[in-house]
Amino acid sequence: MALGLLQQGSSYGMLYLYVGIFMLLITGFVATTLVIARLISPGRRSGTKNQIYETGETTVTDPWRPFPVRYYVFALLFLIFDVEAAFLYPWAVIYRDLGLYGFVEMVIFVAILTVGLAYAWKKGALKWV
């Protein structure tokens, strides 16, 4: 439908209108489905439903032990540099077409991340134990 509108030369505003209407319909459908499921589902609580499901073994210690923040910081650092690698690959593919401007932008991007890495290293976020 959208391709036909593009071929007819209609404005982009109409395409955004169609996308907006489609998003509203999707949101309405999801909300309606969730409300209906909530209304017709039986909500009986019992001791069996509250028991441990995963292994069938009763726990000996408290199951809600907090993870050290170090794990989260390490995971965030991994995510940041994984995204950096995802940005570097397309840049490397079209490096010659970008010229000096593209090179300078990527050097600034990598420099900012390097400063962040140096800060995390100095704070000890990279020490596992």
N, C-alpha and C. Protein backbone atom coordinates (compact mmCIF):
# COMPACT_ATOMS: atom_id res chain seq x y z
N MET A 1 0.82 -1.18 0.00
CA MET A 1 0.00 0.00 0.00
C MET A 1 0.87 1.25 0.00
N ALA A 2 1.89 1.26 0.86
CA ALA A 2 2.77 2.43 0.94
C ALA A 2 3.57 2.58 -0.35
N LEU A 3 3.95 1.46 -0.95
CA LEU A 3 4.70 1.53 -2.20
C LEU A 3 3.83 2.14 -3.30
N GLY A 4 2.56 1.77 -3.33
CA GLY A 4 1.64 2.35 -4.30
C GLY A 4 1.47 3.84 -4.10
N LEU A 5 1.44 4.29 -2.84
CA LEU A 5 1.34 5.72 -2.56
C LEU A 5 2.59 6.46 -3.01
N LEU A 6 3.74 5.83 -2.82
CA LEU A 6 4.98 6.48 -3.26
C LEU A 6 5.02 6.60 -4.78
N GLN A 7 4.52 5.58 -5.47
CA GLN A 7 4.55 5.62 -6.92
C GLN A 7 3.56 6.65 -7.46
N GLN A 8 2.50 6.93 -6.74
CA GLN A 8 1.54 7.93 -7.18
C GLN A 8 2.02 9.33 -6.88
N GLY A 9 3.08 9.46 -6.12
CA GLY A 9 3.63 10.78 -5.83
C GLY A 9 2.95 11.49 -4.69
N SER A 10 2.31 10.75 -3.78
CA SER A 10 1.65 11.41 -2.65
C SER A 10 2.71 11.92 -1.68
N SER A 11 2.29 12.78 -0.80
CA SER A 11 3.24 13.41 0.11
C SER A 11 3.65 12.44 1.21
N TYR A 12 4.79 12.77 1.82
CA TYR A 12 5.28 11.95 2.92
C TYR A 12 4.37 12.06 4.14
N GLY A 13 3.67 13.17 4.27
CA GLY A 13 2.76 13.34 5.39
C GLY A 13 1.67 12.28 5.42
N MET A 14 1.18 11.91 4.26
CA MET A 14 0.16 10.86 4.19
C MET A 14 0.73 9.52 4.62
N LEU A 15 1.98 9.27 4.25
CA LEU A 15 2.61 8.01 4.66
C LEU A 15 2.76 7.96 6.17
N TYR A 16 3.16 9.07 6.77
CA TYR A 16 3.27 9.11 8.23
C TYR A 16 1.90 8.95 8.88
N LEU A 17 0.87 9.48 8.26
CA LEU A 17 -0.48 9.32 8.77
C LEU A 17 -0.87 7.84 8.77
N TYR A 18 -0.58 7.14 7.67
CA TYR A 18 -0.89 5.72 7.60
C TYR A 18 -0.11 4.93 8.64
N VAL A 19 1.15 5.25 8.81
CA VAL A 19 1.97 4.56 9.82
C VAL A 19 1.42 4.84 11.21
N GLY A 20 1.03 6.08 11.48
CA GLY A 20 0.46 6.43 12.78
C GLY A 20 -0.83 5.69 13.06
N ILE A 21 -1.70 5.62 12.05
CA ILE A 21 -2.96 4.90 12.21
C ILE A 21 -2.69 3.42 12.46
N PHE A 22 -1.75 2.86 11.73
CA PHE A 22 -1.39 1.46 11.90
C PHE A 22 -0.86 1.20 13.31
N MET A 23 -0.01 2.10 13.82
CA MET A 23 0.53 1.95 15.17
C MET A 23 -0.58 2.03 16.21
N LEU A 24 -1.53 2.95 16.02
CA LEU A 24 -2.67 3.04 16.95
C LEU A 24 -3.52 1.77 16.92
N LEU A 25 -3.73 1.22 15.74
CA LEU A 25 -4.49 -0.02 15.64
C LEU A 25 -3.77 -1.17 16.34
N ILE A 26 -2.48 -1.25 16.16
CA ILE A 26 -1.70 -2.31 16.83
C ILE A 26 -1.77 -2.14 18.34
N THR A 27 -1.57 -0.92 18.82
CA THR A 27 -1.62 -0.65 20.26
C THR A 27 -3.00 -0.98 20.82
N GLY A 28 -4.04 -0.59 20.10
CA GLY A 28 -5.40 -0.90 20.54
C GLY A 28 -5.67 -2.40 20.58
N PHE A 29 -5.18 -3.12 19.58
CA PHE A 29 -5.37 -4.57 19.55
C PHE A 29 -4.66 -5.24 20.72
N VAL A 30 -3.42 -4.84 20.98
CA VAL A 30 -2.67 -5.43 22.08
C VAL A 30 -3.33 -5.12 23.42
N ALA A 31 -3.73 -3.86 23.61
CA ALA A 31 -4.38 -3.48 24.87
C ALA A 31 -5.70 -4.23 25.06
N THR A 32 -6.48 -4.34 24.00
CA THR A 32 -7.75 -5.07 24.08
C THR A 32 -7.52 -6.54 24.41
N THR A 33 -6.54 -7.14 23.78
CA THR A 33 -6.23 -8.55 24.05
C THR A 33 -5.81 -8.75 25.50
N LEU A 34 -4.96 -7.86 26.01
CA LEU A 34 -4.52 -7.99 27.40
C LEU A 34 -5.66 -7.80 28.39
N VAL A 35 -6.54 -6.85 28.12
CA VAL A 35 -7.68 -6.62 29.02
C VAL A 35 -8.62 -7.81 29.00
N ILE A 36 -8.92 -8.34 27.83
CA ILE A 36 -9.81 -9.51 27.74
C ILE A 36 -9.19 -10.71 28.44
N ALA A 37 -7.90 -10.93 28.25
CA ALA A 37 -7.23 -12.05 28.92
C ALA A 37 -7.27 -11.89 30.43
N ARG A 38 -7.12 -10.67 30.91
CA ARG A 38 -7.16 -10.40 32.35
C ARG A 38 -8.57 -10.65 32.91
N LEU A 39 -9.59 -10.29 32.14
CA LEU A 39 -10.96 -10.44 32.61
C LEU A 39 -11.43 -11.89 32.64
N ILE A 40 -11.03 -12.68 31.65
CA ILE A 40 -11.56 -14.04 31.58
C ILE A 40 -10.65 -15.08 32.22
N SER A 41 -9.46 -14.71 32.63
CA SER A 41 -8.57 -15.70 33.23
C SER A 41 -8.93 -15.92 34.70
N PRO A 42 -8.85 -17.17 35.15
CA PRO A 42 -9.13 -17.42 36.57
C PRO A 42 -7.94 -16.93 37.40
N GLY A 43 -8.24 -16.23 38.47
CA GLY A 43 -7.17 -15.67 39.29
C GLY A 43 -7.13 -16.31 40.66
N ARG A 44 -7.11 -17.62 40.70
CA ARG A 44 -7.09 -18.32 41.98
C ARG A 44 -5.67 -18.49 42.47
N ARG A 45 -5.43 -18.04 43.67
CA ARG A 45 -4.11 -18.22 44.27
C ARG A 45 -4.15 -19.47 45.15
N SER A 46 -3.05 -20.20 45.12
CA SER A 46 -2.96 -21.38 45.97
C SER A 46 -1.51 -21.57 46.39
N GLY A 47 -1.33 -22.43 47.35
CA GLY A 47 0.02 -22.71 47.83
C GLY A 47 0.86 -23.41 46.77
N THR A 48 0.21 -24.18 45.92
CA THR A 48 0.93 -24.89 44.87
C THR A 48 1.51 -23.92 43.85
N LYS A 49 0.78 -22.88 43.53
CA LYS A 49 1.27 -21.91 42.55
C LYS A 49 2.44 -21.10 43.10
N ASN A 50 2.52 -20.96 44.41
CA ASN A 50 3.59 -20.17 45.00
C ASN A 50 4.84 -20.99 45.29
N GLN A 51 4.79 -22.29 45.04
CA GLN A 51 5.97 -23.12 45.29
C GLN A 51 7.00 -22.93 44.20
N ILE A 52 8.20 -23.43 44.48
CA ILE A 52 9.31 -23.33 43.54
C ILE A 52 9.03 -24.23 42.34
N TYR A 53 9.29 -23.71 41.16
CA TYR A 53 8.96 -24.44 39.94
C TYR A 53 10.18 -25.02 39.24
N GLU A 54 11.28 -24.31 39.26
CA GLU A 54 12.39 -24.59 38.36
C GLU A 54 12.96 -26.00 38.53
N THR A 55 13.40 -26.37 39.73
CA THR A 55 14.03 -27.67 39.91
C THR A 55 13.22 -28.60 40.79
N GLY A 56 12.26 -28.08 41.48
CA GLY A 56 11.49 -28.90 42.38
C GLY A 56 12.12 -29.05 43.75
N GLU A 57 13.30 -28.53 43.92
CA GLU A 57 14.01 -28.59 45.20
C GLU A 57 13.68 -27.35 46.02
N THR A 58 13.48 -27.55 47.29
CA THR A 58 13.29 -26.39 48.15
C THR A 58 14.65 -25.77 48.43
N THR A 59 14.67 -24.46 48.51
CA THR A 59 15.94 -23.77 48.69
C THR A 59 16.40 -23.86 50.14
N VAL A 60 17.71 -23.90 50.30
CA VAL A 60 18.30 -23.96 51.63
C VAL A 60 18.60 -22.55 52.12
N THR A 61 19.07 -21.70 51.22
CA THR A 61 19.42 -20.32 51.58
C THR A 61 18.38 -19.37 51.01
N ASP A 62 18.57 -18.12 51.28
CA ASP A 62 17.67 -17.09 50.76
C ASP A 62 17.87 -16.97 49.25
N PRO A 63 16.82 -17.17 48.44
CA PRO A 63 17.01 -17.13 46.99
C PRO A 63 17.21 -15.72 46.44
N TRP A 64 16.93 -14.70 47.21
CA TRP A 64 17.03 -13.33 46.72
C TRP A 64 18.32 -12.68 47.18
N ARG A 65 19.43 -13.23 46.74
CA ARG A 65 20.72 -12.62 47.06
C ARG A 65 21.04 -11.59 45.99
N PRO A 66 21.41 -10.40 46.38
CA PRO A 66 21.72 -9.38 45.37
C PRO A 66 23.05 -9.68 44.68
N PHE A 67 23.10 -9.39 43.39
CA PHE A 67 24.34 -9.50 42.65
C PHE A 67 25.19 -8.27 42.93
N PRO A 68 26.50 -8.45 42.97
CA PRO A 68 27.35 -7.27 43.14
C PRO A 68 27.22 -6.33 41.94
N VAL A 69 27.34 -5.06 42.19
CA VAL A 69 27.22 -4.05 41.13
C VAL A 69 28.31 -4.24 40.09
N ARG A 70 29.41 -4.84 40.48
CA ARG A 70 30.54 -5.04 39.56
C ARG A 70 30.11 -5.80 38.30
N TYR A 71 29.21 -6.77 38.44
CA TYR A 71 28.75 -7.53 37.28
C TYR A 71 28.00 -6.63 36.30
N TYR A 72 27.17 -5.76 36.83
CA TYR A 72 26.40 -4.86 35.97
C TYR A 72 27.31 -3.87 35.25
N VAL A 73 28.29 -3.34 35.97
CA VAL A 73 29.22 -2.39 35.36
C VAL A 73 30.01 -3.08 34.26
N PHE A 74 30.45 -4.30 34.53
CA PHE A 74 31.20 -5.05 33.53
C PHE A 74 30.34 -5.33 32.30
N ALA A 75 29.09 -5.68 32.51
CA ALA A 75 28.18 -5.94 31.39
C ALA A 75 27.92 -4.67 30.60
N LEU A 76 27.77 -3.54 31.28
CA LEU A 76 27.56 -2.27 30.57
C LEU A 76 28.79 -1.89 29.75
N LEU A 77 29.96 -2.10 30.30
CA LEU A 77 31.18 -1.80 29.54
C LEU A 77 31.27 -2.69 28.31
N PHE A 78 30.94 -3.96 28.46
CA PHE A 78 30.94 -4.85 27.31
C PHE A 78 29.96 -4.36 26.25
N LEU A 79 28.77 -3.97 26.68
CA LEU A 79 27.75 -3.50 25.75
C LEU A 79 28.21 -2.25 25.01
N ILE A 80 28.83 -1.32 25.73
CA ILE A 80 29.30 -0.09 25.11
C ILE A 80 30.32 -0.39 24.02
N PHE A 81 31.28 -1.26 24.31
CA PHE A 81 32.31 -1.52 23.33
C PHE A 81 31.83 -2.47 22.24
N ASP A 82 30.81 -3.24 22.50
CA ASP A 82 30.20 -4.04 21.45
C ASP A 82 29.48 -3.14 20.46
N VAL A 83 28.79 -2.13 20.95
CA VAL A 83 28.13 -1.15 20.07
C VAL A 83 29.18 -0.36 19.30
N GLU A 84 30.31 -0.07 19.94
CA GLU A 84 31.39 0.62 19.23
C GLU A 84 31.86 -0.21 18.04
N ALA A 85 32.02 -1.50 18.25
CA ALA A 85 32.44 -2.37 17.15
C ALA A 85 31.39 -2.40 16.05
N ALA A 86 30.12 -2.36 16.44
CA ALA A 86 29.04 -2.35 15.45
C ALA A 86 29.05 -1.05 14.65
N PHE A 87 29.48 0.06 15.25
CA PHE A 87 29.59 1.32 14.53
C PHE A 87 30.86 1.40 13.69
N LEU A 88 31.91 0.76 14.14
CA LEU A 88 33.17 0.82 13.41
C LEU A 88 33.13 0.02 12.10
N TYR A 89 32.42 -1.08 12.09
CA TYR A 89 32.42 -1.91 10.89
C TYR A 89 31.84 -1.20 9.67
N PRO A 90 30.63 -0.62 9.74
CA PRO A 90 30.12 0.08 8.55
C PRO A 90 31.00 1.27 8.15
N TRP A 91 31.57 1.93 9.14
CA TRP A 91 32.47 3.05 8.84
C TRP A 91 33.69 2.54 8.06
N ALA A 92 34.23 1.40 8.48
CA ALA A 92 35.41 0.86 7.79
C ALA A 92 35.08 0.43 6.37
N VAL A 93 33.85 0.01 6.13
CA VAL A 93 33.46 -0.43 4.79
C VAL A 93 33.43 0.74 3.82
N ILE A 94 32.94 1.90 4.26
CA ILE A 94 32.83 3.05 3.36
C ILE A 94 33.82 4.15 3.72
N TYR A 95 34.94 3.77 4.31
CA TYR A 95 35.93 4.74 4.78
C TYR A 95 36.42 5.66 3.66
N ARG A 96 36.70 5.10 2.51
CA ARG A 96 37.27 5.92 1.42
C ARG A 96 36.27 6.92 0.86
N ASP A 97 34.99 6.61 0.92
CA ASP A 97 33.98 7.54 0.43
C ASP A 97 33.76 8.72 1.37
N LEU A 98 34.05 8.54 2.65
CA LEU A 98 33.79 9.59 3.64
C LEU A 98 34.85 10.68 3.64
N GLY A 99 36.06 10.32 3.34
CA GLY A 99 37.13 11.31 3.31
C GLY A 99 37.59 11.70 4.70
N LEU A 100 38.19 12.88 4.78
CA LEU A 100 38.78 13.36 6.03
C LEU A 100 37.71 13.63 7.09
N TYR A 101 36.57 14.14 6.68
CA TYR A 101 35.50 14.46 7.64
C TYR A 101 35.03 13.20 8.38
N GLY A 102 34.81 12.12 7.66
CA GLY A 102 34.40 10.86 8.28
C GLY A 102 35.47 10.29 9.18
N PHE A 103 36.73 10.46 8.77
CA PHE A 103 37.83 9.98 9.60
C PHE A 103 37.90 10.75 10.92
N VAL A 104 37.77 12.07 10.85
CA VAL A 104 37.83 12.90 12.06
C VAL A 104 36.67 12.57 13.00
N GLU A 105 35.48 12.38 12.45
CA GLU A 105 34.34 12.02 13.29
C GLU A 105 34.57 10.71 14.02
N MET A 106 35.12 9.72 13.32
CA MET A 106 35.34 8.43 13.96
C MET A 106 36.48 8.50 14.97
N VAL A 107 37.48 9.32 14.71
CA VAL A 107 38.55 9.50 15.69
C VAL A 107 37.99 10.13 16.97
N ILE A 108 37.11 11.10 16.83
CA ILE A 108 36.48 11.72 18.01
C ILE A 108 35.63 10.69 18.76
N PHE A 109 34.88 9.89 18.03
CA PHE A 109 34.05 8.85 18.64
C PHE A 109 34.90 7.86 19.43
N VAL A 110 35.97 7.38 18.82
CA VAL A 110 36.84 6.42 19.49
C VAL A 110 37.57 7.08 20.65
N ALA A 111 37.94 8.34 20.52
CA ALA A 111 38.63 9.05 21.61
C ALA A 111 37.72 9.19 22.82
N ILE A 112 36.46 9.50 22.60
CA ILE A 112 35.52 9.62 23.73
C ILE A 112 35.37 8.27 24.43
N LEU A 113 35.27 7.20 23.66
CA LEU A 113 35.16 5.89 24.28
C LEU A 113 36.46 5.47 24.97
N THR A 114 37.59 5.90 24.44
CA THR A 114 38.87 5.60 25.08
C THR A 114 38.99 6.32 26.41
N VAL A 115 38.53 7.56 26.47
CA VAL A 115 38.53 8.29 27.74
C VAL A 115 37.63 7.57 28.75
N GLY A 116 36.48 7.09 28.30
CA GLY A 116 35.59 6.34 29.18
C GLY A 116 36.22 5.05 29.67
N LEU A 117 36.94 4.36 28.78
CA LEU A 117 37.64 3.13 29.17
C LEU A 117 38.73 3.43 30.18
N ALA A 118 39.48 4.50 29.97
CA ALA A 118 40.54 4.87 30.92
C ALA A 118 39.93 5.20 32.29
N TYR A 119 38.81 5.89 32.29
CA TYR A 119 38.13 6.22 33.55
C TYR A 119 37.68 4.94 34.27
N ALA A 120 37.06 4.02 33.52
CA ALA A 120 36.60 2.76 34.13
C ALA A 120 37.78 1.95 34.65
N TRP A 121 38.88 1.97 33.91
CA TRP A 121 40.08 1.24 34.33
C TRP A 121 40.63 1.83 35.62
N LYS A 122 40.68 3.16 35.68
CA LYS A 122 41.21 3.83 36.87
C LYS A 122 40.32 3.58 38.09
N LYS A 123 39.02 3.52 37.88
CA LYS A 123 38.09 3.27 38.99
C LYS A 123 38.07 1.80 39.42
N GLY A 124 38.72 0.92 38.65
CA GLY A 124 38.78 -0.49 39.00
C GLY A 124 37.59 -1.30 38.53
N ALA A 125 36.86 -0.80 37.56
CA ALA A 125 35.68 -1.52 37.07
C ALA A 125 36.06 -2.75 36.26
N LEU A 126 37.29 -2.82 35.78
CA LEU A 126 37.70 -3.95 34.96
C LEU A 126 38.32 -5.08 35.78
N LYS A 127 38.47 -4.88 37.08
CA LYS A 127 39.00 -5.95 37.94
C LYS A 127 37.88 -6.90 38.26
N TRP A 128 38.06 -8.16 37.92
CA TRP A 128 37.00 -9.13 38.13
C TRP A 128 36.92 -9.57 39.60
N VAL A 129 38.05 -9.75 40.23
CA VAL A 129 38.05 -10.20 41.63
C VAL A 129 38.64 -9.14 42.51
